């Protein structure tokens, strides 16, 4: 019977899928740190001509002696390694944004970006590592406003910002940094250079990886004699929309003794995950079979949604679907291996369960349906597009209703008749303006 099997271990096999934006590449072997000269160099305006880490010779940072230092090195948020992955002047940043379809008019500075591997906690609180992209402007300023950028759905490890220089999330990170801010763009658990499988939609894992990423970003920029402001501007796209609200709530409630919540700007998030998955079961979502297959395989690993794959997936897909979502398959490969509709992929019983969730599934979904059900002490600006056929505009209204019920100040902007990925490209310059106006 569906939803009765005891949960399987989450750490069994490396791999992940995420819905909405980019994914991360699996890197084997030891990650080197950036060169000492790059880490100690005082940033100056206009420096850099688009050099990437491929042209550099990274060296390992020497460990600090002493028991206290050893404890600090093992604490969540401590830095494991730092690798320079991009060094662009302002023109290089603008060119990169234009290739992605993002308005580059707000670019003011060049950007230096590092892939930072840091310590965090896994699904059950066990020690693990994760990766992120940390980007800073080359403007000579010592004190920098902090941005946390939370990416959307990604099925392939190599598509996240810290690894894929062509990803939209890399471009978004460069844009924020080019306006004079320091950016922490976590890959989440199990993506990028993080081990294991991404626990999609797990609230605690989402928050801890992102807050620990901020701690690691603070330590990383300190090596360049720079400091981060306490107030964090949080934004994210698709899966990163609910993540924005969860991380914001955690910061407001004191998840970190240093950082505070400064502003919230979620973009095209599936805030009503129950409704989103039900729509995917009815094939009312673009790429419905892929989205729902990711949800089913990921949540089965976490919560045990079915006893055997055959209870959820029709033959012959029941023999292959789980292996597709291992983080090592690109979205195009997965899409080619699946039927176009959920009706063709899933059993009628499983689809009925998704449409009318009960018991354990209902309880787990509730946490993702209520990420906006609190009262932020900072303004919230939601961005969505009525032309989005992946995540319906009604999801933004769902979030807005919960914020209204809690007496929270908020706005909702429709960015126009564009698709899901077009939404983030249209919204990002608006988010910059919002953050420019933040106290």
Protein backbone atom coordinates (compact mmCIF):
# COMPACT_ATOMS: atom_id res chain seq x y z
CA UNK A 1 0.00 0.00 0.00
CA UNK A 2 1.25 3.49 -0.79
CA UNK A 3 2.80 5.60 2.02
CA UNK A 4 3.33 2.68 4.41
CA UNK A 5 6.96 1.65 3.84
CA UNK A 6 9.59 2.62 6.38
CA UNK A 7 11.73 5.48 5.10
CA UNK A 8 14.85 4.47 3.23
CA UNK A 9 18.22 6.03 4.01
CA UNK A 10 18.76 9.33 2.22
CA UNK A 11 22.52 9.00 1.94
CA UNK A 12 22.56 5.77 -0.04
CA UNK A 13 23.40 7.07 -3.49
CA UNK A 14 24.75 10.37 -4.80
CA UNK A 15 22.35 12.30 -6.95
CA UNK A 16 19.62 14.91 -7.03
CA UNK A 17 16.90 16.67 -8.90
CA UNK A 18 15.43 20.06 -8.34
CA UNK A 19 12.56 21.82 -10.06
CA UNK A 20 12.81 25.29 -11.63
CA UNK A 21 16.28 26.66 -12.37
CA UNK A 22 19.70 25.06 -12.46
CA UNK A 23 21.56 22.08 -11.03
CA UNK A 24 25.06 21.32 -9.90
CA UNK A 25 27.95 19.30 -11.19
CA UNK A 26 29.39 16.38 -9.29
CA UNK A 27 33.05 17.02 -8.60
CA UNK A 28 35.21 14.13 -7.51
CA UNK A 29 38.49 14.43 -5.73
CA UNK A 30 39.80 17.16 -3.47
CA UNK A 31 38.77 20.75 -4.04
CA UNK A 32 41.61 23.23 -4.03
CA UNK A 33 41.45 26.70 -2.57
CA UNK A 34 42.05 29.89 -4.43
CA UNK A 35 45.52 31.36 -4.72
CA UNK A 36 46.85 33.33 -1.81
CA UNK A 37 47.29 36.38 -4.02
CA UNK A 38 43.67 36.28 -5.14
CA UNK A 39 42.47 36.04 -1.55
CA UNK A 40 44.61 38.86 -0.20
CA UNK A 41 44.34 41.20 -3.17
CA UNK A 42 42.53 44.43 -2.38
CA UNK A 43 39.67 44.74 -4.90
CA UNK A 44 39.71 47.73 -7.17
CA UNK A 45 37.16 49.10 -9.61
CA UNK A 46 37.45 47.80 -13.14
CA UNK A 47 40.00 45.09 -12.37
CA UNK A 48 39.68 41.79 -14.19
CA UNK A 49 38.99 40.94 -17.78
CA UNK A 50 36.91 37.81 -17.56
CA UNK A 51 39.59 35.42 -16.28
CA UNK A 52 38.16 32.21 -14.83
CA UNK A 53 39.58 29.61 -12.45
CA UNK A 54 40.76 27.50 -15.37
CA UNK A 55 43.61 29.92 -15.95
CA UNK A 56 44.67 30.02 -12.29
CA UNK A 57 46.77 27.72 -10.14
CA UNK A 58 44.89 27.19 -6.86
CA UNK A 59 46.80 26.38 -3.69
CA UNK A 60 45.58 24.99 -0.37
CA UNK A 61 45.08 27.30 2.59
CA UNK A 62 47.30 26.41 5.55
CA UNK A 63 45.36 25.19 8.62
CA UNK A 64 45.33 27.21 11.83
CA UNK A 65 46.81 25.50 14.88
CA UNK A 66 45.15 25.01 18.26
CA UNK A 67 42.09 23.19 19.66
CA UNK A 68 39.81 26.23 19.40
CA UNK A 69 40.75 26.68 15.75
CA UNK A 70 40.09 22.99 15.09
CA UNK A 71 36.62 23.32 16.61
CA UNK A 72 35.91 26.38 14.47
CA UNK A 73 37.04 24.54 11.34
CA UNK A 74 34.51 21.76 12.01
CA UNK A 75 31.58 24.00 12.94
CA UNK A 76 28.61 24.51 10.59
CA UNK A 77 29.41 27.39 8.26
CA UNK A 78 33.16 26.90 8.46
CA UNK A 79 35.02 27.03 5.15
CA UNK A 80 36.52 23.85 3.70
CA UNK A 81 37.89 25.28 0.46
CA UNK A 82 37.69 28.34 -1.78
CA UNK A 83 38.23 28.27 -5.55
CA UNK A 84 38.21 31.29 -7.83
CA UNK A 85 35.79 30.59 -10.69
CA UNK A 86 35.24 34.02 -12.25
CA UNK A 87 37.00 37.38 -12.39
CA UNK A 88 35.14 39.83 -14.64
CA UNK A 89 35.25 43.53 -15.27
CA UNK A 90 31.95 45.42 -15.57
CA UNK A 91 31.79 44.88 -19.32
CA UNK A 92 32.36 41.15 -18.85
CA UNK A 93 29.47 41.00 -16.39
CA UNK A 94 27.21 42.95 -18.74
CA UNK A 95 28.08 40.66 -21.65
CA UNK A 96 27.29 37.61 -19.53
CA UNK A 97 23.90 39.02 -18.49
CA UNK A 98 22.96 39.96 -22.03
CA UNK A 99 23.69 36.44 -23.24
CA UNK A 100 21.28 35.17 -20.58
CA UNK A 101 18.58 37.65 -21.55
CA UNK A 102 18.85 39.80 -18.41
CA UNK A 103 18.90 43.60 -18.63
CA UNK A 104 22.45 44.71 -17.82
CA UNK A 105 21.71 48.41 -17.35
CA UNK A 106 22.22 48.20 -13.57
CA UNK A 107 25.77 46.79 -13.75
CA UNK A 108 28.18 49.14 -12.00
CA UNK A 109 31.22 47.07 -11.04
CA UNK A 110 33.27 44.10 -12.04
CA UNK A 111 32.83 40.93 -9.98
CA UNK A 112 35.06 38.28 -8.50
CA UNK A 113 33.34 34.97 -7.67
CA UNK A 114 34.51 31.91 -5.74
CA UNK A 115 33.14 28.44 -5.29
CA UNK A 116 33.13 27.90 -1.53
CA UNK A 117 32.77 24.44 0.00
CA UNK A 118 31.60 24.68 3.60
CA UNK A 119 30.48 22.52 6.48
CA UNK A 120 26.79 22.14 7.25
CA UNK A 121 24.31 19.55 8.52
CA UNK A 122 22.53 16.82 6.65
CA UNK A 123 18.95 15.64 6.63
CA UNK A 124 19.17 14.18 10.12
CA UNK A 125 21.59 16.74 11.53
CA UNK A 126 24.73 14.76 10.69
CA UNK A 127 27.89 16.64 9.62
CA UNK A 128 28.28 17.06 5.87
CA UNK A 129 29.49 19.62 3.34
CA UNK A 130 27.84 21.75 0.68
CA UNK A 131 28.98 24.22 -1.95
CA UNK A 132 27.95 27.71 -2.96
CA UNK A 133 28.98 30.61 -5.16
CA UNK A 134 30.19 33.69 -3.28
CA UNK A 135 30.51 36.82 -5.41
CA UNK A 136 31.78 40.27 -4.44
CA UNK A 137 32.01 43.55 -6.34
CA UNK A 138 35.38 44.96 -7.34
CA UNK A 139 34.59 48.41 -6.01
CA UNK A 140 37.07 48.86 -3.16
CA UNK A 141 34.34 49.04 -0.50
CA UNK A 142 35.10 47.18 2.70
CA UNK A 143 31.56 46.86 4.12
CA UNK A 144 29.10 45.12 1.83
CA UNK A 145 25.37 44.54 1.91
CA UNK A 146 24.59 40.82 1.84
CA UNK A 147 22.27 38.98 -0.57
CA UNK A 148 21.19 35.35 -0.30
CA UNK A 149 20.14 34.04 -3.74
CA UNK A 150 18.21 30.75 -3.62
CA UNK A 151 17.98 28.86 -6.90
CA UNK A 152 15.12 26.97 -8.49
CA UNK A 153 14.60 23.46 -9.76
CA UNK A 154 17.72 21.66 -10.90
CA UNK A 155 18.05 18.00 -11.82
CA UNK A 156 21.70 17.83 -12.83
CA UNK A 157 24.48 18.50 -10.33
CA UNK A 158 26.54 20.49 -12.79
CA UNK A 159 23.95 23.19 -13.48
CA UNK A 160 24.17 25.15 -10.23
CA UNK A 161 25.78 28.59 -10.00
CA UNK A 162 29.02 27.47 -8.37
CA UNK A 163 29.76 25.03 -11.21
CA UNK A 164 28.00 26.09 -14.42
CA UNK A 165 29.22 29.45 -15.65
CA UNK A 166 26.39 29.55 -18.22
CA UNK A 167 23.57 29.04 -15.71
CA UNK A 168 20.93 31.67 -15.05
CA UNK A 169 21.79 31.44 -11.36
CA UNK A 170 25.42 32.33 -12.07
CA UNK A 171 24.14 35.35 -14.03
CA UNK A 172 21.78 36.37 -11.22
CA UNK A 173 24.63 36.18 -8.71
CA UNK A 174 26.86 38.31 -10.94
CA UNK A 175 24.08 40.88 -11.34
CA UNK A 176 23.56 41.32 -7.59
CA UNK A 177 27.31 41.57 -6.97
CA UNK A 178 27.79 44.05 -9.82
CA UNK A 179 25.49 46.47 -7.99
CA UNK A 180 27.87 46.60 -5.03
CA UNK A 181 26.67 43.68 -2.89
CA UNK A 182 28.18 40.42 -1.65
CA UNK A 183 26.17 37.38 -2.70
CA UNK A 184 25.81 33.94 -1.15
CA UNK A 185 24.23 31.54 -3.67
CA UNK A 186 24.00 28.10 -2.02
CA UNK A 187 23.73 24.98 -4.18
CA UNK A 188 21.69 23.27 -1.40
CA UNK A 189 22.54 19.80 -0.10
CA UNK A 190 23.50 17.15 -2.64
CA UNK A 191 24.13 19.57 -5.51
CA UNK A 192 27.32 21.13 -6.82
CA UNK A 193 30.17 19.60 -4.87
CA UNK A 194 27.99 18.44 -2.00
CA UNK A 195 27.75 14.68 -1.39
CA UNK A 196 24.60 12.58 -1.42
CA UNK A 197 21.14 13.30 -2.81
CA UNK A 198 19.34 16.61 -2.67
CA UNK A 199 16.48 16.46 -0.10
CA UNK A 200 14.00 18.41 -2.24
CA UNK A 201 11.52 20.39 -0.20
CA UNK A 202 12.86 19.43 3.22
CA UNK A 203 12.36 22.62 5.29
CA UNK A 204 15.12 22.14 7.85
CA UNK A 205 17.70 21.04 5.29
CA UNK A 206 16.83 24.02 3.08
CA UNK A 207 17.27 26.47 5.92
CA UNK A 208 20.42 25.04 7.49
CA UNK A 209 22.30 24.79 4.18
CA UNK A 210 21.38 28.38 3.32
CA UNK A 211 22.10 29.93 6.72
CA UNK A 212 25.38 28.02 7.01
CA UNK A 213 26.19 29.29 3.50
CA UNK A 214 25.83 32.86 4.78
CA UNK A 215 28.20 32.08 7.64
CA UNK A 216 30.72 30.63 5.20
CA UNK A 217 30.34 33.63 2.89
CA UNK A 218 31.06 35.94 5.79
CA UNK A 219 34.21 33.99 6.63
CA UNK A 220 35.22 33.88 2.98
CA UNK A 221 34.98 37.63 2.35
CA UNK A 222 36.75 38.30 5.63
CA UNK A 223 39.83 36.74 4.04
CA UNK A 224 39.79 39.69 1.64
CA UNK A 225 39.48 42.13 4.56
CA UNK A 226 35.81 42.75 3.81
CA UNK A 227 32.77 42.50 6.05
CA UNK A 228 29.11 41.70 5.47
CA UNK A 229 26.28 43.84 6.76
CA UNK A 230 24.05 42.11 9.33
CA UNK A 231 20.85 42.62 7.32
CA UNK A 232 20.43 40.00 4.58
CA UNK A 233 18.40 40.65 1.43
CA UNK A 234 16.85 37.30 0.47
CA UNK A 235 15.55 36.40 -2.98
CA UNK A 236 15.01 33.21 -4.93
CA UNK A 237 13.29 31.72 -7.95
CA UNK A 238 10.83 28.81 -8.31
CA UNK A 239 11.88 26.29 -5.64
CA UNK A 240 13.85 29.23 -4.28
CA UNK A 241 10.61 31.17 -3.70
CA UNK A 242 9.42 29.07 -0.75
CA UNK A 243 13.07 28.74 0.28
CA UNK A 244 13.24 32.55 0.43
CA UNK A 245 10.34 32.65 2.86
CA UNK A 246 11.69 29.78 4.98
CA UNK A 247 15.18 31.28 5.24
CA UNK A 248 13.68 34.71 5.95
CA UNK A 249 11.54 33.31 8.74
CA UNK A 250 14.55 31.55 10.25
CA UNK A 251 16.68 34.71 10.16
CA UNK A 252 13.89 36.76 11.74
CA UNK A 253 13.63 34.16 14.53
CA UNK A 254 17.36 34.33 15.25
CA UNK A 255 18.75 31.29 13.43
CA UNK A 256 22.13 33.06 13.37
CA UNK A 257 23.48 35.36 16.11
CA UNK A 258 24.93 37.80 13.57
CA UNK A 259 22.65 37.94 10.55
CA UNK A 260 19.22 39.61 10.49
CA UNK A 261 16.49 39.69 7.86
CA UNK A 262 16.62 42.78 5.65
CA UNK A 263 14.15 42.20 2.78
CA UNK A 264 12.27 39.42 0.96
CA UNK A 265 11.81 39.10 -2.81
CA UNK A 266 10.53 35.64 -3.87
CA UNK A 267 10.04 35.01 -7.60
CA UNK A 268 7.53 32.54 -9.14
CA UNK A 269 7.50 30.17 -6.20
CA UNK A 270 5.21 27.11 -5.82
CA UNK A 271 3.83 28.35 -2.50
CA UNK A 272 0.85 26.00 -2.72
CA UNK A 273 2.84 22.81 -3.29
CA UNK A 274 -0.23 20.62 -2.76
CA UNK A 275 -2.04 22.48 -5.54
CA UNK A 276 1.02 22.42 -7.77
CA UNK A 277 1.49 18.65 -7.48
CA UNK A 278 -2.25 18.06 -7.96
CA UNK A 279 -2.11 20.15 -11.13
CA UNK A 280 0.87 18.09 -12.31
CA UNK A 281 -1.14 14.92 -11.66
CA UNK A 282 -3.85 16.33 -13.94
CA UNK A 283 -1.29 17.33 -16.60
CA UNK A 284 -2.10 21.01 -16.16
CA UNK A 285 1.59 21.89 -15.75
CA UNK A 286 4.25 22.12 -18.46
CA UNK A 287 6.58 19.11 -18.11
CA UNK A 288 4.12 17.64 -15.62
CA UNK A 289 5.53 14.11 -15.75
CA UNK A 290 9.08 15.28 -15.04
CA UNK A 291 8.06 17.54 -12.16
CA UNK A 292 5.88 14.90 -10.54
CA UNK A 293 8.47 12.16 -11.06
CA UNK A 294 11.05 14.28 -9.27
CA UNK A 295 8.63 14.92 -6.43
CA UNK A 296 7.72 11.24 -6.14
CA UNK A 297 11.26 9.85 -6.18
CA UNK A 298 12.68 12.54 -3.87
CA UNK A 299 9.91 12.34 -1.32
CA UNK A 300 9.93 8.55 -1.40
CA UNK A 301 13.58 8.65 -0.38
CA UNK A 302 12.77 11.03 2.47
CA UNK A 303 9.38 9.85 3.65
CA UNK A 304 8.60 6.50 2.02
CA UNK A 305 5.72 7.24 -0.37
CA UNK A 306 5.40 3.75 -1.82
CA UNK A 307 6.45 0.18 -1.04
CA UNK A 308 7.71 -0.58 -4.58
CA UNK A 309 8.20 1.64 -7.66
CA UNK A 310 5.44 -0.32 -9.38
CA UNK A 311 2.89 1.14 -6.97
CA UNK A 312 3.63 4.62 -8.28
CA UNK A 313 4.94 4.14 -11.83
CA UNK A 314 3.51 2.21 -14.76
CA UNK A 315 5.59 -0.42 -16.52
CA UNK A 316 8.17 -0.21 -17.98
CA UNK A 317 9.03 3.09 -16.26
CA UNK A 318 8.88 1.53 -12.78
CA UNK A 319 12.21 -0.15 -13.59
CA UNK A 320 14.03 3.02 -14.68
CA UNK A 321 12.57 6.21 -13.18
CA UNK A 322 14.40 6.18 -9.85
CA UNK A 323 17.80 5.73 -11.52
CA UNK A 324 17.17 8.75 -13.75
CA UNK A 325 16.96 11.08 -10.79
CA UNK A 326 20.45 10.52 -9.45
CA UNK A 327 21.84 14.00 -10.10
CA UNK A 328 24.05 12.74 -12.90
CA UNK A 329 21.41 12.93 -15.65
CA UNK A 330 20.65 16.18 -17.42
CA UNK A 331 17.06 17.38 -17.66
CA UNK A 332 17.05 16.72 -21.41
CA UNK A 333 18.08 13.09 -20.83
CA UNK A 334 15.35 12.60 -18.24
CA UNK A 335 12.69 14.22 -20.39
CA UNK A 336 13.64 11.99 -23.32
CA UNK A 337 13.26 8.87 -21.16
CA UNK A 338 9.84 9.77 -19.76
CA UNK A 339 6.40 9.98 -21.39
CA UNK A 340 5.02 13.47 -21.89
CA UNK A 341 2.12 13.14 -19.44
CA UNK A 342 1.63 12.05 -15.85
CA UNK A 343 -1.28 9.88 -16.97
CA UNK A 344 1.13 7.76 -19.02
CA UNK A 345 3.80 7.59 -16.32
CA UNK A 346 1.94 7.03 -13.04
CA UNK A 347 -0.58 4.52 -11.79
CA UNK A 348 -4.16 5.77 -11.25
CA UNK A 349 -3.87 4.99 -7.52
CA UNK A 350 -0.77 7.15 -7.11
CA UNK A 351 -2.31 10.05 -9.05
CA UNK A 352 -5.41 9.90 -6.84
CA UNK A 353 -3.20 10.02 -3.77
CA UNK A 354 -1.43 13.14 -5.05
CA UNK A 355 -4.76 14.80 -5.85
CA UNK A 356 -6.17 14.05 -2.39
CA UNK A 357 -3.22 13.61 -0.01
CA UNK A 358 -3.87 12.13 3.41
CA UNK A 359 -1.94 11.14 6.50
CA UNK A 360 1.83 11.46 6.35
CA UNK A 361 1.86 13.01 2.88
CA UNK A 362 -0.69 15.62 3.89
CA UNK A 363 1.36 16.57 6.96
CA UNK A 364 4.60 16.85 4.99
CA UNK A 365 2.96 18.96 2.28
CA UNK A 366 1.50 21.34 4.85
CA UNK A 367 4.96 22.64 5.75
CA UNK A 368 5.50 23.62 2.10
CA UNK A 369 2.00 25.08 1.74
CA UNK A 370 2.54 27.49 4.64
CA UNK A 371 5.94 29.05 3.98
CA UNK A 372 4.22 32.47 3.79
CA UNK A 373 2.05 31.89 6.86
CA UNK A 374 3.89 34.25 9.24
CA UNK A 375 4.47 37.96 9.74
CA UNK A 376 7.76 39.26 8.34
CA UNK A 377 8.99 42.44 10.01
CA UNK A 378 10.33 43.63 6.65
CA UNK A 379 8.41 44.36 3.43
CA UNK A 380 7.82 41.41 1.11
CA UNK A 381 7.66 41.90 -2.66
CA UNK A 382 6.38 38.93 -4.65
CA UNK A 383 7.15 38.66 -8.37
CA UNK A 384 5.36 36.34 -10.76
CA UNK A 385 4.05 36.24 -14.34
CA UNK A 386 0.53 35.43 -15.42
CA UNK A 387 2.04 33.81 -18.50
CA UNK A 388 3.87 31.21 -16.36
CA UNK A 389 2.60 27.74 -17.35
CA UNK A 390 4.94 25.84 -15.00
CA UNK A 391 4.03 27.48 -11.70
CA UNK A 392 0.62 29.15 -11.89
CA UNK A 393 0.23 32.80 -10.84
CA UNK A 394 -2.29 31.60 -8.25
CA UNK A 395 0.69 30.43 -6.18
CA UNK A 396 1.70 34.07 -5.64
CA UNK A 397 -1.85 34.92 -4.63
CA UNK A 398 -1.78 32.00 -2.20
CA UNK A 399 1.32 33.49 -0.54
CA UNK A 400 -0.18 37.00 -0.56
CA UNK A 401 -3.35 35.78 1.19
CA UNK A 402 -1.32 34.20 3.98
CA UNK A 403 0.75 37.35 4.43
CA UNK A 404 -2.42 39.46 4.53
CA UNK A 405 -3.95 37.18 7.16
CA UNK A 406 -0.85 37.77 9.32
CA UNK A 407 -0.91 41.54 8.85
CA UNK A 408 2.34 41.59 6.87
CA UNK A 409 3.22 44.39 4.46
CA UNK A 410 3.62 43.03 0.94
CA UNK A 411 3.27 43.70 -2.78
CA UNK A 412 2.68 41.44 -5.77
CA UNK A 413 3.99 42.41 -9.20
CA UNK A 414 2.98 40.68 -12.43
CA UNK A 415 6.01 40.85 -14.72
CA UNK A 416 3.97 40.07 -17.84
CA UNK A 417 3.13 37.42 -20.39
CA UNK A 418 6.33 35.42 -20.13
CA UNK A 419 7.06 31.77 -19.31
CA UNK A 420 8.56 30.41 -16.10
CA UNK A 421 12.21 31.05 -16.92
CA UNK A 422 11.31 34.37 -18.50
CA UNK A 423 9.83 35.41 -15.16
CA UNK A 424 13.13 35.44 -13.34
CA UNK A 425 14.85 37.34 -16.16
CA UNK A 426 12.18 40.05 -16.04
CA UNK A 427 12.01 40.14 -12.25
CA UNK A 428 15.71 40.42 -11.38
CA UNK A 429 16.15 44.12 -12.36
CA UNK A 430 12.99 44.90 -10.33
CA UNK A 431 14.44 43.09 -7.33
CA UNK A 432 17.60 45.19 -7.63
CA UNK A 433 15.47 48.35 -7.46
CA UNK A 434 13.66 46.97 -4.40
CA UNK A 435 16.95 46.21 -2.68
CA UNK A 436 18.32 49.64 -3.60
CA UNK A 437 15.39 51.14 -1.68
CA UNK A 438 15.83 48.88 1.35
CA UNK A 439 17.08 50.58 4.56
